């Protein structure tokens, strides 16, 4: 029982310490002060489109490899079944 009570009081104390530290620490921001919205205005839409197409092609080729692997496993299991029982 004492371990549980000690753990709870320790957790409450560390939680309170973390809340106090959050008030002291400065907010995270980039050194140059540029935010995401400002960067999106500078984005090259063609390069974004090319990167999306590249990722989609990688995804589709990966799924094709997955089908090939599944078919090979099934064929191997059928071959083992055939050799053992026939």
N, C-alpha and C. Protein backbone atom coordinates (compact mmCIF):
# COMPACT_ATOMS: atom_id res chain seq x y z
N UNK A 1 0.82 -1.20 0.00
CA UNK A 1 0.00 0.00 0.00
C UNK A 1 0.86 1.26 0.00
N UNK A 2 1.95 1.24 0.74
CA UNK A 2 2.74 2.46 0.82
C UNK A 2 3.42 2.77 -0.51
N UNK A 3 3.75 1.72 -1.28
CA UNK A 3 4.39 1.98 -2.58
C UNK A 3 3.43 2.72 -3.50
N UNK A 4 2.18 2.29 -3.53
CA UNK A 4 1.21 2.95 -4.39
C UNK A 4 1.00 4.39 -4.00
N UNK A 5 0.89 4.63 -2.70
CA UNK A 5 0.67 6.00 -2.23
C UNK A 5 1.89 6.86 -2.53
N UNK A 6 3.08 6.31 -2.37
CA UNK A 6 4.29 7.06 -2.67
C UNK A 6 4.42 7.36 -4.15
N UNK A 7 4.03 6.41 -4.96
CA UNK A 7 4.10 6.62 -6.40
C UNK A 7 3.14 7.72 -6.82
N UNK A 8 1.95 7.71 -6.26
CA UNK A 8 0.95 8.73 -6.63
C UNK A 8 1.42 10.11 -6.22
N UNK A 9 1.96 10.25 -5.01
CA UNK A 9 2.41 11.57 -4.58
C UNK A 9 3.62 12.02 -5.40
N UNK A 10 4.49 11.08 -5.77
CA UNK A 10 5.63 11.43 -6.61
C UNK A 10 5.17 11.86 -8.00
N UNK A 11 4.20 11.16 -8.54
CA UNK A 11 3.68 11.52 -9.86
C UNK A 11 3.01 12.89 -9.82
N UNK A 12 2.27 13.16 -8.78
CA UNK A 12 1.62 14.48 -8.65
C UNK A 12 2.65 15.59 -8.56
N UNK A 13 3.73 15.34 -7.81
CA UNK A 13 4.77 16.36 -7.66
C UNK A 13 5.48 16.61 -8.98
N UNK A 14 5.83 15.54 -9.73
CA UNK A 14 6.52 15.75 -11.00
C UNK A 14 5.60 16.41 -12.02
N UNK A 15 4.31 16.10 -11.97
CA UNK A 15 3.36 16.74 -12.86
C UNK A 15 3.28 18.24 -12.56
N UNK A 16 3.25 18.58 -11.29
CA UNK A 16 3.21 19.99 -10.90
C UNK A 16 4.49 20.70 -11.33
N UNK A 17 5.64 20.03 -11.18
CA UNK A 17 6.91 20.62 -11.61
C UNK A 17 6.92 20.87 -13.11
N UNK A 18 6.40 19.93 -13.88
CA UNK A 18 6.36 20.10 -15.33
C UNK A 18 5.46 21.25 -15.74
N UNK A 19 4.34 21.41 -15.08
CA UNK A 19 3.47 22.55 -15.39
C UNK A 19 4.16 23.87 -15.08
N UNK A 20 4.90 23.91 -13.97
CA UNK A 20 5.61 25.13 -13.61
C UNK A 20 6.72 25.43 -14.62
N UNK A 21 7.42 24.39 -15.09
CA UNK A 21 8.47 24.60 -16.09
C UNK A 21 7.90 25.11 -17.40
N UNK A 22 6.71 24.65 -17.75
CA UNK A 22 6.09 25.11 -19.00
C UNK A 22 5.81 26.60 -18.96
N UNK A 23 5.53 27.13 -17.79
CA UNK A 23 5.29 28.56 -17.67
C UNK A 23 6.59 29.36 -17.80
N UNK A 24 7.71 28.77 -17.41
CA UNK A 24 8.99 29.47 -17.42
C UNK A 24 9.63 29.43 -18.81
N UNK A 25 9.59 28.28 -19.47
CA UNK A 25 10.28 28.10 -20.75
C UNK A 25 9.67 28.96 -21.84
N UNK A 26 10.52 29.47 -22.72
CA UNK A 26 9.98 30.25 -23.85
C UNK A 26 9.31 29.32 -24.85
N UNK A 27 8.38 29.85 -25.60
CA UNK A 27 7.68 29.06 -26.61
C UNK A 27 8.64 28.73 -27.75
N UNK A 28 8.49 27.54 -28.30
CA UNK A 28 9.35 27.10 -29.40
C UNK A 28 8.99 27.84 -30.68
N UNK A 29 9.99 28.40 -31.32
CA UNK A 29 9.77 29.02 -32.63
C UNK A 29 11.12 29.05 -33.35
N UNK A 30 11.05 29.16 -34.65
CA UNK A 30 12.27 29.16 -35.45
C UNK A 30 13.06 30.44 -35.22
N UNK A 31 14.35 30.32 -35.42
CA UNK A 31 15.23 31.46 -35.19
C UNK A 31 14.93 32.61 -36.15
N UNK A 32 14.60 32.27 -37.40
CA UNK A 32 14.35 33.32 -38.38
C UNK A 32 12.91 33.85 -38.30
N UNK A 33 12.07 33.25 -37.49
CA UNK A 33 10.71 33.74 -37.30
C UNK A 33 9.75 33.39 -38.42
N UNK A 34 10.13 32.48 -39.32
CA UNK A 34 9.25 32.10 -40.42
C UNK A 34 8.38 30.94 -39.98
N UNK A 35 7.11 31.05 -40.23
CA UNK A 35 6.18 30.01 -39.84
C UNK A 35 5.74 29.20 -41.05
N UNK A 36 5.01 28.13 -40.82
CA UNK A 36 4.60 27.22 -41.87
C UNK A 36 3.75 27.91 -42.94
N UNK A 37 2.83 28.78 -42.52
CA UNK A 37 1.97 29.44 -43.48
C UNK A 37 2.79 30.30 -44.45
N UNK A 38 3.79 30.96 -43.94
CA UNK A 38 4.63 31.79 -44.80
C UNK A 38 5.45 30.92 -45.74
N UNK A 39 5.90 29.75 -45.28
CA UNK A 39 6.67 28.85 -46.13
C UNK A 39 5.81 28.25 -47.23
N UNK A 40 4.55 28.01 -46.97
CA UNK A 40 3.67 27.42 -47.98
C UNK A 40 3.46 28.37 -49.15
N UNK A 41 3.52 29.66 -48.91
CA UNK A 41 3.40 30.62 -50.01
C UNK A 41 4.59 30.53 -50.95
N UNK A 42 5.75 30.15 -50.43
CA UNK A 42 6.97 30.05 -51.22
C UNK A 42 7.12 28.68 -51.90
N UNK A 43 6.25 27.75 -51.59
CA UNK A 43 6.40 26.38 -52.08
C UNK A 43 6.23 26.30 -53.59
N UNK A 44 7.02 25.43 -54.20
CA UNK A 44 6.93 25.18 -55.63
C UNK A 44 5.92 24.06 -55.85
N UNK A 45 4.78 24.39 -56.44
CA UNK A 45 3.70 23.41 -56.58
C UNK A 45 4.08 22.25 -57.48
N UNK A 46 4.93 22.49 -58.48
CA UNK A 46 5.35 21.40 -59.37
C UNK A 46 6.19 20.39 -58.62
N UNK A 47 7.10 20.84 -57.78
CA UNK A 47 7.93 19.90 -57.03
C UNK A 47 7.10 19.12 -56.01
N UNK A 48 6.09 19.78 -55.44
CA UNK A 48 5.21 19.08 -54.51
C UNK A 48 4.42 18.01 -55.25
N UNK A 49 3.92 18.34 -56.43
CA UNK A 49 3.18 17.37 -57.24
C UNK A 49 4.07 16.20 -57.65
N UNK A 50 5.32 16.50 -58.03
CA UNK A 50 6.26 15.44 -58.41
C UNK A 50 6.56 14.52 -57.23
N UNK A 51 6.72 15.08 -56.05
CA UNK A 51 7.02 14.25 -54.88
C UNK A 51 5.83 13.37 -54.51
N UNK A 52 4.62 13.89 -54.67
CA UNK A 52 3.43 13.08 -54.38
C UNK A 52 3.33 11.93 -55.37
N UNK A 53 3.57 12.21 -56.66
CA UNK A 53 3.54 11.15 -57.67
C UNK A 53 4.60 10.09 -57.39
N UNK A 54 5.78 10.52 -57.00
CA UNK A 54 6.86 9.58 -56.70
C UNK A 54 6.48 8.68 -55.53
N UNK A 55 5.92 9.25 -54.48
CA UNK A 55 5.52 8.45 -53.31
C UNK A 55 4.40 7.48 -53.65
N UNK A 56 3.47 7.92 -54.48
CA UNK A 56 2.38 7.02 -54.88
C UNK A 56 2.91 5.88 -55.74
N UNK A 57 3.88 6.15 -56.61
CA UNK A 57 4.45 5.07 -57.42
C UNK A 57 5.23 4.10 -56.54
N UNK A 58 5.92 4.59 -55.53
CA UNK A 58 6.62 3.70 -54.60
C UNK A 58 5.63 2.83 -53.83
N UNK A 59 4.51 3.42 -53.45
CA UNK A 59 3.50 2.67 -52.73
C UNK A 59 2.91 1.58 -53.61
N UNK A 60 2.60 1.91 -54.86
CA UNK A 60 1.98 0.91 -55.73
C UNK A 60 2.97 -0.20 -56.07
N UNK A 61 4.25 0.13 -56.25
CA UNK A 61 5.22 -0.92 -56.53
C UNK A 61 5.42 -1.80 -55.30
N UNK A 62 5.34 -1.23 -54.13
CA UNK A 62 5.46 -2.03 -52.90
C UNK A 62 4.30 -2.97 -52.72
N UNK A 63 3.11 -2.52 -53.07
CA UNK A 63 1.95 -3.39 -52.93
C UNK A 63 2.01 -4.53 -53.96
N UNK A 64 2.56 -4.26 -55.16
CA UNK A 64 2.73 -5.32 -56.14
C UNK A 64 3.72 -6.36 -55.64
N UNK A 65 4.79 -5.91 -55.00
CA UNK A 65 5.76 -6.85 -54.43
C UNK A 65 5.12 -7.68 -53.33
N UNK A 66 4.22 -7.10 -52.57
CA UNK A 66 3.52 -7.83 -51.52
C UNK A 66 2.65 -8.93 -52.08
N UNK A 67 1.96 -8.64 -53.20
CA UNK A 67 1.14 -9.67 -53.84
C UNK A 67 2.01 -10.80 -54.36
N UNK A 68 3.14 -10.47 -54.96
CA UNK A 68 4.05 -11.49 -55.47
C UNK A 68 4.54 -12.39 -54.34
N UNK A 69 4.92 -11.79 -53.22
CA UNK A 69 5.38 -12.56 -52.06
C UNK A 69 4.28 -13.47 -51.54
N UNK A 70 3.06 -12.98 -51.45
CA UNK A 70 1.95 -13.79 -50.95
C UNK A 70 1.67 -14.97 -51.89
N UNK A 71 1.72 -14.72 -53.19
CA UNK A 71 1.49 -15.81 -54.16
C UNK A 71 2.59 -16.85 -54.05
N UNK A 72 3.83 -16.43 -53.88
CA UNK A 72 4.94 -17.38 -53.75
C UNK A 72 4.80 -18.23 -52.49
N UNK A 73 4.37 -17.62 -51.39
CA UNK A 73 4.17 -18.38 -50.15
C UNK A 73 3.07 -19.41 -50.33
N UNK A 74 1.98 -19.01 -50.95
CA UNK A 74 0.86 -19.94 -51.17
C UNK A 74 1.30 -21.09 -52.07
N UNK A 75 2.01 -20.80 -53.14
CA UNK A 75 2.48 -21.86 -54.03
C UNK A 75 3.46 -22.79 -53.33
N UNK A 76 4.32 -22.26 -52.49
CA UNK A 76 5.25 -23.10 -51.74
C UNK A 76 4.50 -24.01 -50.78
N UNK A 77 3.52 -23.48 -50.09
CA UNK A 77 2.73 -24.31 -49.17
C UNK A 77 1.96 -25.38 -49.92
N UNK A 78 1.42 -25.06 -51.09
CA UNK A 78 0.74 -26.08 -51.90
C UNK A 78 1.70 -27.16 -52.36
N UNK A 79 2.91 -26.77 -52.75
CA UNK A 79 3.90 -27.74 -53.17
C UNK A 79 4.28 -28.67 -52.03
N UNK A 80 4.48 -28.11 -50.82
CA UNK A 80 4.79 -28.94 -49.64
C UNK A 80 3.64 -29.87 -49.34
N UNK A 81 2.42 -29.37 -49.38
CA UNK A 81 1.24 -30.20 -49.15
C UNK A 81 1.17 -31.33 -50.17
N UNK A 82 1.44 -31.03 -51.43
CA UNK A 82 1.40 -32.03 -52.51
C UNK A 82 2.45 -33.13 -52.30
N UNK A 83 3.67 -32.72 -51.91
CA UNK A 83 4.73 -33.72 -51.74
C UNK A 83 4.52 -34.57 -50.51
N UNK A 84 3.92 -34.02 -49.48
CA UNK A 84 3.72 -34.81 -48.24
C UNK A 84 2.57 -35.78 -48.38
N UNK A 85 1.47 -35.39 -48.98
CA UNK A 85 0.27 -36.22 -48.97
C UNK A 85 0.04 -37.00 -50.26
N UNK A 86 0.79 -36.76 -51.34
CA UNK A 86 0.55 -37.51 -52.56
C UNK A 86 1.77 -38.19 -53.06
